[in-house]
Amino acid sequence: MEKITKPIFLLLILIIAAACDPEATYIYEIDNKSSYTIDVHFKYPRGESVVIESLPDSTTTIRIYETISSANDKGDNFLYIFDTIYLDIPAPYEVKKDIQLRNNWVYRWKDANRWFDVGDGIYTIIIEDGDIGQ
């Protein structure tokens, strides 16, 4: 009986582990180093539009949790999670830095520190006074 029980027990553990999908987190940081308040507008697919106020000298963070194999850098498709995302500032000013361009963001990886978590993919864009104009 023990010969049968051990393999069945190991098989059940493997099935349970395989059924638990790992979670990855994408983090988008808008590092507002400017002297202006910037509104961060975004919309998820099938979601509501969201506006977050990014105060001068602060970092605004958007976290997105996904059940996927990894939160690796998506290259030019890095904003795929959003239907729309843009930065707005009161007239007559505007943010000149194009947040849609991957080259304007820095990507880094943070290893997982939780069970069934594959880690965090973090994108950061820095907005300075020089990125804002009329």
N, C-alpha and C. Protein backbone atom coordinates (compact mmCIF):
# COMPACT_ATOMS: atom_id res chain seq x y z
N MET A 1 0.82 -1.20 0.00
CA MET A 1 0.00 0.00 0.00
C MET A 1 0.87 1.26 0.00
N GLU A 2 1.98 1.23 0.74
CA GLU A 2 2.86 2.41 0.82
C GLU A 2 3.47 2.73 -0.54
N LYS A 3 3.76 1.71 -1.35
CA LYS A 3 4.32 1.93 -2.67
C LYS A 3 3.36 2.71 -3.56
N ILE A 4 2.09 2.51 -3.41
CA ILE A 4 1.08 3.21 -4.22
C ILE A 4 0.81 4.60 -3.65
N THR A 5 0.75 4.73 -2.35
CA THR A 5 0.40 5.99 -1.70
C THR A 5 1.43 7.08 -1.97
N LYS A 6 2.70 6.75 -1.91
CA LYS A 6 3.75 7.75 -2.09
C LYS A 6 3.69 8.40 -3.48
N PRO A 7 3.64 7.63 -4.57
CA PRO A 7 3.56 8.25 -5.90
C PRO A 7 2.27 9.07 -6.09
N ILE A 8 1.16 8.60 -5.55
CA ILE A 8 -0.10 9.33 -5.67
C ILE A 8 0.00 10.65 -4.92
N PHE A 9 0.60 10.64 -3.74
CA PHE A 9 0.77 11.85 -2.95
C PHE A 9 1.65 12.86 -3.70
N LEU A 10 2.74 12.40 -4.28
CA LEU A 10 3.62 13.27 -5.04
C LEU A 10 2.91 13.82 -6.28
N LEU A 11 2.11 13.00 -6.93
CA LEU A 11 1.35 13.44 -8.09
C LEU A 11 0.34 14.52 -7.70
N LEU A 12 -0.33 14.36 -6.58
CA LEU A 12 -1.29 15.36 -6.11
C LEU A 12 -0.59 16.69 -5.81
N ILE A 13 0.57 16.65 -5.20
CA ILE A 13 1.32 17.88 -4.93
C ILE A 13 1.69 18.57 -6.23
N LEU A 14 2.13 17.82 -7.22
CA LEU A 14 2.49 18.42 -8.52
C LEU A 14 1.27 19.03 -9.20
N ILE A 15 0.13 18.38 -9.12
CA ILE A 15 -1.10 18.92 -9.73
C ILE A 15 -1.52 20.20 -9.04
N ILE A 16 -1.46 20.24 -7.72
CA ILE A 16 -1.83 21.44 -6.97
C ILE A 16 -0.88 22.58 -7.30
N ALA A 17 0.42 22.29 -7.35
CA ALA A 17 1.40 23.34 -7.66
C ALA A 17 1.21 23.87 -9.08
N ALA A 18 0.90 22.99 -10.02
CA ALA A 18 0.70 23.42 -11.40
C ALA A 18 -0.57 24.25 -11.56
N ALA A 19 -1.56 24.01 -10.72
CA ALA A 19 -2.82 24.74 -10.80
C ALA A 19 -2.70 26.17 -10.26
N CYS A 20 -1.69 26.44 -9.47
CA CYS A 20 -1.49 27.78 -8.91
C CYS A 20 -0.70 28.61 -9.90
N ASP A 21 -1.38 29.56 -10.52
CA ASP A 21 -0.72 30.43 -11.50
C ASP A 21 0.14 31.46 -10.80
N PRO A 22 1.36 31.66 -11.27
CA PRO A 22 2.21 32.66 -10.65
C PRO A 22 1.71 34.07 -10.97
N GLU A 23 2.01 34.98 -10.10
CA GLU A 23 1.59 36.37 -10.28
C GLU A 23 2.80 37.23 -10.55
N ALA A 24 2.66 38.11 -11.52
CA ALA A 24 3.70 39.09 -11.82
C ALA A 24 3.10 40.47 -11.66
N THR A 25 3.93 41.43 -11.37
CA THR A 25 3.47 42.80 -11.20
C THR A 25 4.23 43.70 -12.15
N TYR A 26 3.46 44.51 -12.89
CA TYR A 26 4.06 45.59 -13.67
C TYR A 26 3.83 46.87 -12.89
N ILE A 27 4.89 47.64 -12.71
CA ILE A 27 4.81 48.90 -11.98
C ILE A 27 5.26 50.01 -12.93
N TYR A 28 4.41 51.01 -13.06
CA TYR A 28 4.73 52.18 -13.88
C TYR A 28 4.88 53.36 -12.93
N GLU A 29 6.07 53.96 -12.92
CA GLU A 29 6.36 55.08 -12.03
C GLU A 29 6.55 56.35 -12.85
N ILE A 30 5.80 57.38 -12.50
CA ILE A 30 6.01 58.70 -13.09
C ILE A 30 6.70 59.53 -12.02
N ASP A 31 7.99 59.76 -12.21
CA ASP A 31 8.81 60.49 -11.24
C ASP A 31 8.77 61.97 -11.62
N ASN A 32 7.92 62.72 -10.94
CA ASN A 32 7.70 64.13 -11.25
C ASN A 32 8.73 64.99 -10.52
N LYS A 33 9.84 65.25 -11.20
CA LYS A 33 10.89 66.10 -10.62
C LYS A 33 10.70 67.56 -11.04
N SER A 34 9.55 67.86 -11.65
CA SER A 34 9.28 69.22 -12.09
C SER A 34 8.67 70.03 -10.96
N SER A 35 8.48 71.32 -11.24
CA SER A 35 7.83 72.19 -10.25
C SER A 35 6.34 72.34 -10.55
N TYR A 36 5.79 71.45 -11.40
CA TYR A 36 4.39 71.49 -11.81
C TYR A 36 3.63 70.28 -11.28
N THR A 37 2.33 70.48 -11.05
CA THR A 37 1.45 69.35 -10.76
C THR A 37 1.00 68.77 -12.10
N ILE A 38 1.15 67.46 -12.24
CA ILE A 38 0.83 66.77 -13.49
C ILE A 38 -0.29 65.78 -13.21
N ASP A 39 -1.30 65.77 -14.09
CA ASP A 39 -2.36 64.77 -14.00
C ASP A 39 -1.98 63.57 -14.86
N VAL A 40 -2.01 62.39 -14.26
CA VAL A 40 -1.74 61.14 -14.97
C VAL A 40 -3.09 60.52 -15.30
N HIS A 41 -3.42 60.42 -16.58
CA HIS A 41 -4.69 59.85 -17.04
C HIS A 41 -4.40 58.47 -17.62
N PHE A 42 -5.22 57.49 -17.23
CA PHE A 42 -5.09 56.17 -17.85
C PHE A 42 -6.41 55.43 -17.77
N LYS A 43 -6.52 54.42 -18.64
CA LYS A 43 -7.71 53.58 -18.69
C LYS A 43 -7.27 52.17 -18.99
N TYR A 44 -7.80 51.24 -18.20
CA TYR A 44 -7.56 49.82 -18.45
C TYR A 44 -8.60 49.30 -19.44
N PRO A 45 -8.30 48.23 -20.15
CA PRO A 45 -9.35 47.62 -20.97
C PRO A 45 -10.53 47.20 -20.07
N ARG A 46 -11.71 47.46 -20.51
CA ARG A 46 -12.94 47.13 -19.78
C ARG A 46 -12.98 47.80 -18.40
N GLY A 47 -12.30 48.91 -18.27
CA GLY A 47 -12.25 49.59 -16.97
C GLY A 47 -12.63 51.04 -17.09
N GLU A 48 -12.67 51.69 -15.96
CA GLU A 48 -12.99 53.10 -15.93
C GLU A 48 -11.73 53.93 -16.16
N SER A 49 -11.94 55.16 -16.59
CA SER A 49 -10.82 56.10 -16.71
C SER A 49 -10.41 56.56 -15.32
N VAL A 50 -9.12 56.71 -15.12
CA VAL A 50 -8.57 57.09 -13.82
C VAL A 50 -7.66 58.30 -14.02
N VAL A 51 -7.72 59.23 -13.07
CA VAL A 51 -6.81 60.38 -13.07
C VAL A 51 -6.15 60.45 -11.71
N ILE A 52 -4.83 60.50 -11.70
CA ILE A 52 -4.07 60.62 -10.45
C ILE A 52 -3.25 61.91 -10.54
N GLU A 53 -3.31 62.69 -9.49
CA GLU A 53 -2.54 63.93 -9.44
C GLU A 53 -1.13 63.63 -8.94
N SER A 54 -0.15 64.02 -9.76
CA SER A 54 1.25 63.83 -9.40
C SER A 54 1.82 65.19 -8.99
N LEU A 55 2.08 65.34 -7.72
CA LEU A 55 2.58 66.61 -7.19
C LEU A 55 4.06 66.80 -7.53
N PRO A 56 4.53 68.06 -7.53
CA PRO A 56 5.96 68.30 -7.78
C PRO A 56 6.83 67.51 -6.79
N ASP A 57 7.95 67.04 -7.30
CA ASP A 57 8.92 66.27 -6.49
C ASP A 57 8.29 65.06 -5.81
N SER A 58 7.46 64.34 -6.55
CA SER A 58 6.86 63.10 -6.02
C SER A 58 6.85 62.05 -7.13
N THR A 59 6.61 60.82 -6.73
CA THR A 59 6.52 59.72 -7.69
C THR A 59 5.12 59.13 -7.62
N THR A 60 4.48 59.04 -8.77
CA THR A 60 3.17 58.42 -8.87
C THR A 60 3.36 57.00 -9.37
N THR A 61 2.72 56.04 -8.70
CA THR A 61 2.92 54.64 -9.02
C THR A 61 1.60 54.00 -9.45
N ILE A 62 1.65 53.27 -10.55
CA ILE A 62 0.52 52.47 -11.02
C ILE A 62 0.98 51.02 -10.98
N ARG A 63 0.25 50.18 -10.23
CA ARG A 63 0.59 48.75 -10.11
C ARG A 63 -0.45 47.92 -10.84
N ILE A 64 0.03 46.97 -11.61
CA ILE A 64 -0.85 46.09 -12.35
C ILE A 64 -0.41 44.65 -12.08
N TYR A 65 -1.33 43.87 -11.55
CA TYR A 65 -1.04 42.47 -11.23
C TYR A 65 -1.59 41.59 -12.34
N GLU A 66 -0.76 40.65 -12.78
CA GLU A 66 -1.16 39.73 -13.83
C GLU A 66 -0.76 38.32 -13.48
N THR A 67 -1.55 37.39 -13.95
CA THR A 67 -1.21 35.98 -13.83
C THR A 67 -0.54 35.58 -15.13
N ILE A 68 0.78 35.65 -15.12
CA ILE A 68 1.58 35.37 -16.31
C ILE A 68 2.87 34.68 -15.89
N SER A 69 3.66 34.33 -16.88
CA SER A 69 4.89 33.61 -16.57
C SER A 69 6.02 34.51 -16.11
N SER A 70 6.04 35.77 -16.58
CA SER A 70 7.09 36.68 -16.14
C SER A 70 6.71 38.12 -16.46
N ALA A 71 7.29 39.04 -15.74
CA ALA A 71 7.07 40.46 -15.98
C ALA A 71 8.29 41.04 -16.69
N ASN A 72 8.68 40.38 -17.79
CA ASN A 72 9.86 40.83 -18.52
C ASN A 72 9.55 42.10 -19.31
N ASP A 73 10.59 42.76 -19.77
CA ASP A 73 10.43 43.99 -20.53
C ASP A 73 9.71 43.69 -21.84
N LYS A 74 8.64 44.42 -22.10
CA LYS A 74 7.83 44.19 -23.30
C LYS A 74 8.28 45.03 -24.49
N GLY A 75 9.41 45.72 -24.35
CA GLY A 75 9.92 46.53 -25.46
C GLY A 75 8.94 47.63 -25.83
N ASP A 76 8.75 47.85 -27.13
CA ASP A 76 7.88 48.92 -27.59
C ASP A 76 6.41 48.69 -27.22
N ASN A 77 6.07 47.49 -26.82
CA ASN A 77 4.69 47.16 -26.44
C ASN A 77 4.50 47.28 -24.92
N PHE A 78 5.34 48.03 -24.25
CA PHE A 78 5.36 48.07 -22.79
C PHE A 78 4.11 48.70 -22.16
N LEU A 79 3.35 49.45 -22.91
CA LEU A 79 2.12 50.06 -22.39
C LEU A 79 0.87 49.26 -22.80
N TYR A 80 1.06 48.00 -23.18
CA TYR A 80 -0.04 47.18 -23.69
C TYR A 80 -1.20 47.05 -22.70
N ILE A 81 -0.93 47.20 -21.44
CA ILE A 81 -1.93 47.00 -20.39
C ILE A 81 -2.98 48.11 -20.37
N PHE A 82 -2.65 49.25 -20.95
CA PHE A 82 -3.56 50.40 -20.93
C PHE A 82 -4.28 50.57 -22.27
N ASP A 83 -5.55 50.97 -22.22
CA ASP A 83 -6.22 51.43 -23.43
C ASP A 83 -5.65 52.79 -23.80
N THR A 84 -5.49 53.66 -22.79
CA THR A 84 -4.88 54.97 -22.98
C THR A 84 -4.07 55.33 -21.74
N ILE A 85 -3.04 56.11 -21.95
CA ILE A 85 -2.29 56.70 -20.85
C ILE A 85 -1.63 57.98 -21.38
N TYR A 86 -1.79 59.06 -20.63
CA TYR A 86 -1.16 60.32 -21.02
C TYR A 86 -1.02 61.22 -19.80
N LEU A 87 -0.16 62.24 -19.96
CA LEU A 87 0.08 63.21 -18.90
C LEU A 87 -0.52 64.54 -19.33
N ASP A 88 -1.12 65.24 -18.37
CA ASP A 88 -1.78 66.51 -18.67
C ASP A 88 -1.35 67.53 -17.62
N ILE A 89 -1.28 68.79 -18.05
CA ILE A 89 -0.89 69.88 -17.17
C ILE A 89 -1.74 71.09 -17.58
N PRO A 90 -2.10 71.96 -16.65
CA PRO A 90 -2.96 73.10 -17.00
C PRO A 90 -2.34 73.98 -18.10
N ALA A 91 -3.21 74.48 -18.98
CA ALA A 91 -2.79 75.39 -20.06
C ALA A 91 -2.19 76.64 -19.44
N PRO A 92 -1.28 77.26 -20.06
CA PRO A 92 -0.84 77.09 -21.45
C PRO A 92 0.31 76.08 -21.59
N TYR A 93 0.58 75.33 -20.56
CA TYR A 93 1.72 74.41 -20.57
C TYR A 93 1.29 73.02 -21.05
N GLU A 94 2.30 72.25 -21.45
CA GLU A 94 2.07 70.86 -21.81
C GLU A 94 3.35 70.06 -21.57
N VAL A 95 3.17 68.77 -21.34
CA VAL A 95 4.32 67.88 -21.17
C VAL A 95 4.83 67.53 -22.56
N LYS A 96 6.06 67.91 -22.84
CA LYS A 96 6.67 67.70 -24.17
C LYS A 96 7.26 66.29 -24.32
N LYS A 97 7.65 65.68 -23.21
CA LYS A 97 8.25 64.34 -23.29
C LYS A 97 7.16 63.34 -23.66
N ASP A 98 7.43 62.54 -24.69
CA ASP A 98 6.46 61.57 -25.19
C ASP A 98 6.52 60.31 -24.33
N ILE A 99 5.47 60.09 -23.53
CA ILE A 99 5.49 58.92 -22.64
C ILE A 99 5.18 57.63 -23.40
N GLN A 100 4.78 57.73 -24.65
CA GLN A 100 4.51 56.53 -25.45
C GLN A 100 5.79 55.87 -25.97
N LEU A 101 6.89 56.62 -25.95
CA LEU A 101 8.16 56.09 -26.45
C LEU A 101 8.88 55.28 -25.37
N ARG A 102 9.18 54.06 -25.68
CA ARG A 102 9.87 53.18 -24.72
C ARG A 102 11.22 53.75 -24.29
N ASN A 103 11.91 54.45 -25.19
CA ASN A 103 13.23 55.00 -24.87
C ASN A 103 13.19 56.05 -23.77
N ASN A 104 12.02 56.60 -23.49
CA ASN A 104 11.89 57.61 -22.43
C ASN A 104 11.68 56.99 -21.05
N TRP A 105 11.59 55.68 -21.00
CA TRP A 105 11.38 54.96 -19.74
C TRP A 105 12.60 54.10 -19.43
N VAL A 106 12.85 53.89 -18.16
CA VAL A 106 13.90 52.96 -17.71
C VAL A 106 13.19 51.74 -17.14
N TYR A 107 13.65 50.56 -17.56
CA TYR A 107 13.07 49.30 -17.05
C TYR A 107 14.05 48.66 -16.07
N ARG A 108 13.52 48.15 -14.98
CA ARG A 108 14.34 47.35 -14.06
C ARG A 108 13.49 46.21 -13.52
N TRP A 109 14.18 45.20 -13.05
CA TRP A 109 13.54 44.00 -12.55
C TRP A 109 13.77 43.88 -11.06
N LYS A 110 12.74 43.55 -10.32
CA LYS A 110 12.87 43.29 -8.88
C LYS A 110 12.44 41.85 -8.64
N ASP A 111 13.34 41.08 -8.07
CA ASP A 111 13.04 39.66 -7.82
C ASP A 111 11.85 39.48 -6.89
N ALA A 112 11.20 38.36 -7.06
CA ALA A 112 10.04 38.01 -6.23
C ALA A 112 10.47 37.78 -4.79
N ASN A 113 9.60 38.15 -3.89
CA ASN A 113 9.85 37.87 -2.48
C ASN A 113 8.65 37.20 -1.84
N ARG A 114 7.76 36.69 -2.70
CA ARG A 114 6.56 36.01 -2.20
C ARG A 114 6.39 34.70 -2.96
N TRP A 115 5.71 33.75 -2.35
CA TRP A 115 5.40 32.49 -3.01
C TRP A 115 4.50 32.74 -4.19
N PHE A 116 4.66 32.02 -5.25
CA PHE A 116 3.84 32.11 -6.45
C PHE A 116 3.85 33.52 -7.04
N ASP A 117 4.99 34.16 -6.95
CA ASP A 117 5.18 35.49 -7.52
C ASP A 117 6.47 35.43 -8.32
N VAL A 118 6.41 35.87 -9.57
CA VAL A 118 7.60 35.78 -10.41
C VAL A 118 8.43 37.05 -10.39
N GLY A 119 7.94 38.09 -9.72
CA GLY A 119 8.71 39.32 -9.61
C GLY A 119 8.00 40.51 -10.18
N ASP A 120 8.68 41.65 -10.13
CA ASP A 120 8.11 42.90 -10.58
C ASP A 120 8.92 43.47 -11.74
N GLY A 121 8.23 43.88 -12.79
CA GLY A 121 8.83 44.63 -13.88
C GLY A 121 8.49 46.09 -13.66
N ILE A 122 9.49 46.92 -13.50
CA ILE A 122 9.26 48.32 -13.12
C ILE A 122 9.73 49.24 -14.24
N TYR A 123 8.81 50.06 -14.73
CA TYR A 123 9.11 51.08 -15.73
C TYR A 123 9.05 52.44 -15.04
N THR A 124 10.06 53.28 -15.25
CA THR A 124 10.10 54.60 -14.63
C THR A 124 10.39 55.65 -15.70
N ILE A 125 9.61 56.73 -15.67
CA ILE A 125 9.86 57.88 -16.52
C ILE A 125 10.06 59.09 -15.61
N ILE A 126 11.03 59.91 -15.93
CA ILE A 126 11.31 61.11 -15.14
C ILE A 126 10.85 62.32 -15.94
N ILE A 127 10.03 63.16 -15.30
CA ILE A 127 9.57 64.40 -15.91
C ILE A 127 10.20 65.56 -15.15
N GLU A 128 10.98 66.37 -15.86
CA GLU A 128 11.65 67.53 -15.26
C GLU A 128 11.09 68.81 -15.89
N ASP A 129 11.45 69.95 -15.32
CA ASP A 129 10.97 71.23 -15.85
C ASP A 129 11.29 71.38 -17.34
N GLY A 130 12.42 70.87 -17.77
CA GLY A 130 12.80 70.95 -19.18
C GLY A 130 11.91 70.14 -20.11
N ASP A 131 11.12 69.21 -19.55
CA ASP A 131 10.20 68.40 -20.35
C ASP A 131 8.83 69.06 -20.50
N ILE A 132 8.68 70.24 -19.92
CA ILE A 132 7.40 70.96 -19.93
C ILE A 132 7.59 72.28 -20.66
N GLY A 133 6.66 72.60 -21.54
CA GLY A 133 6.77 73.85 -22.29
C GLY A 133 5.40 74.37 -22.68
N GLN A 134 5.41 75.44 -23.49
CA GLN A 134 4.15 76.03 -23.94
C GLN A 134 3.85 75.67 -25.38
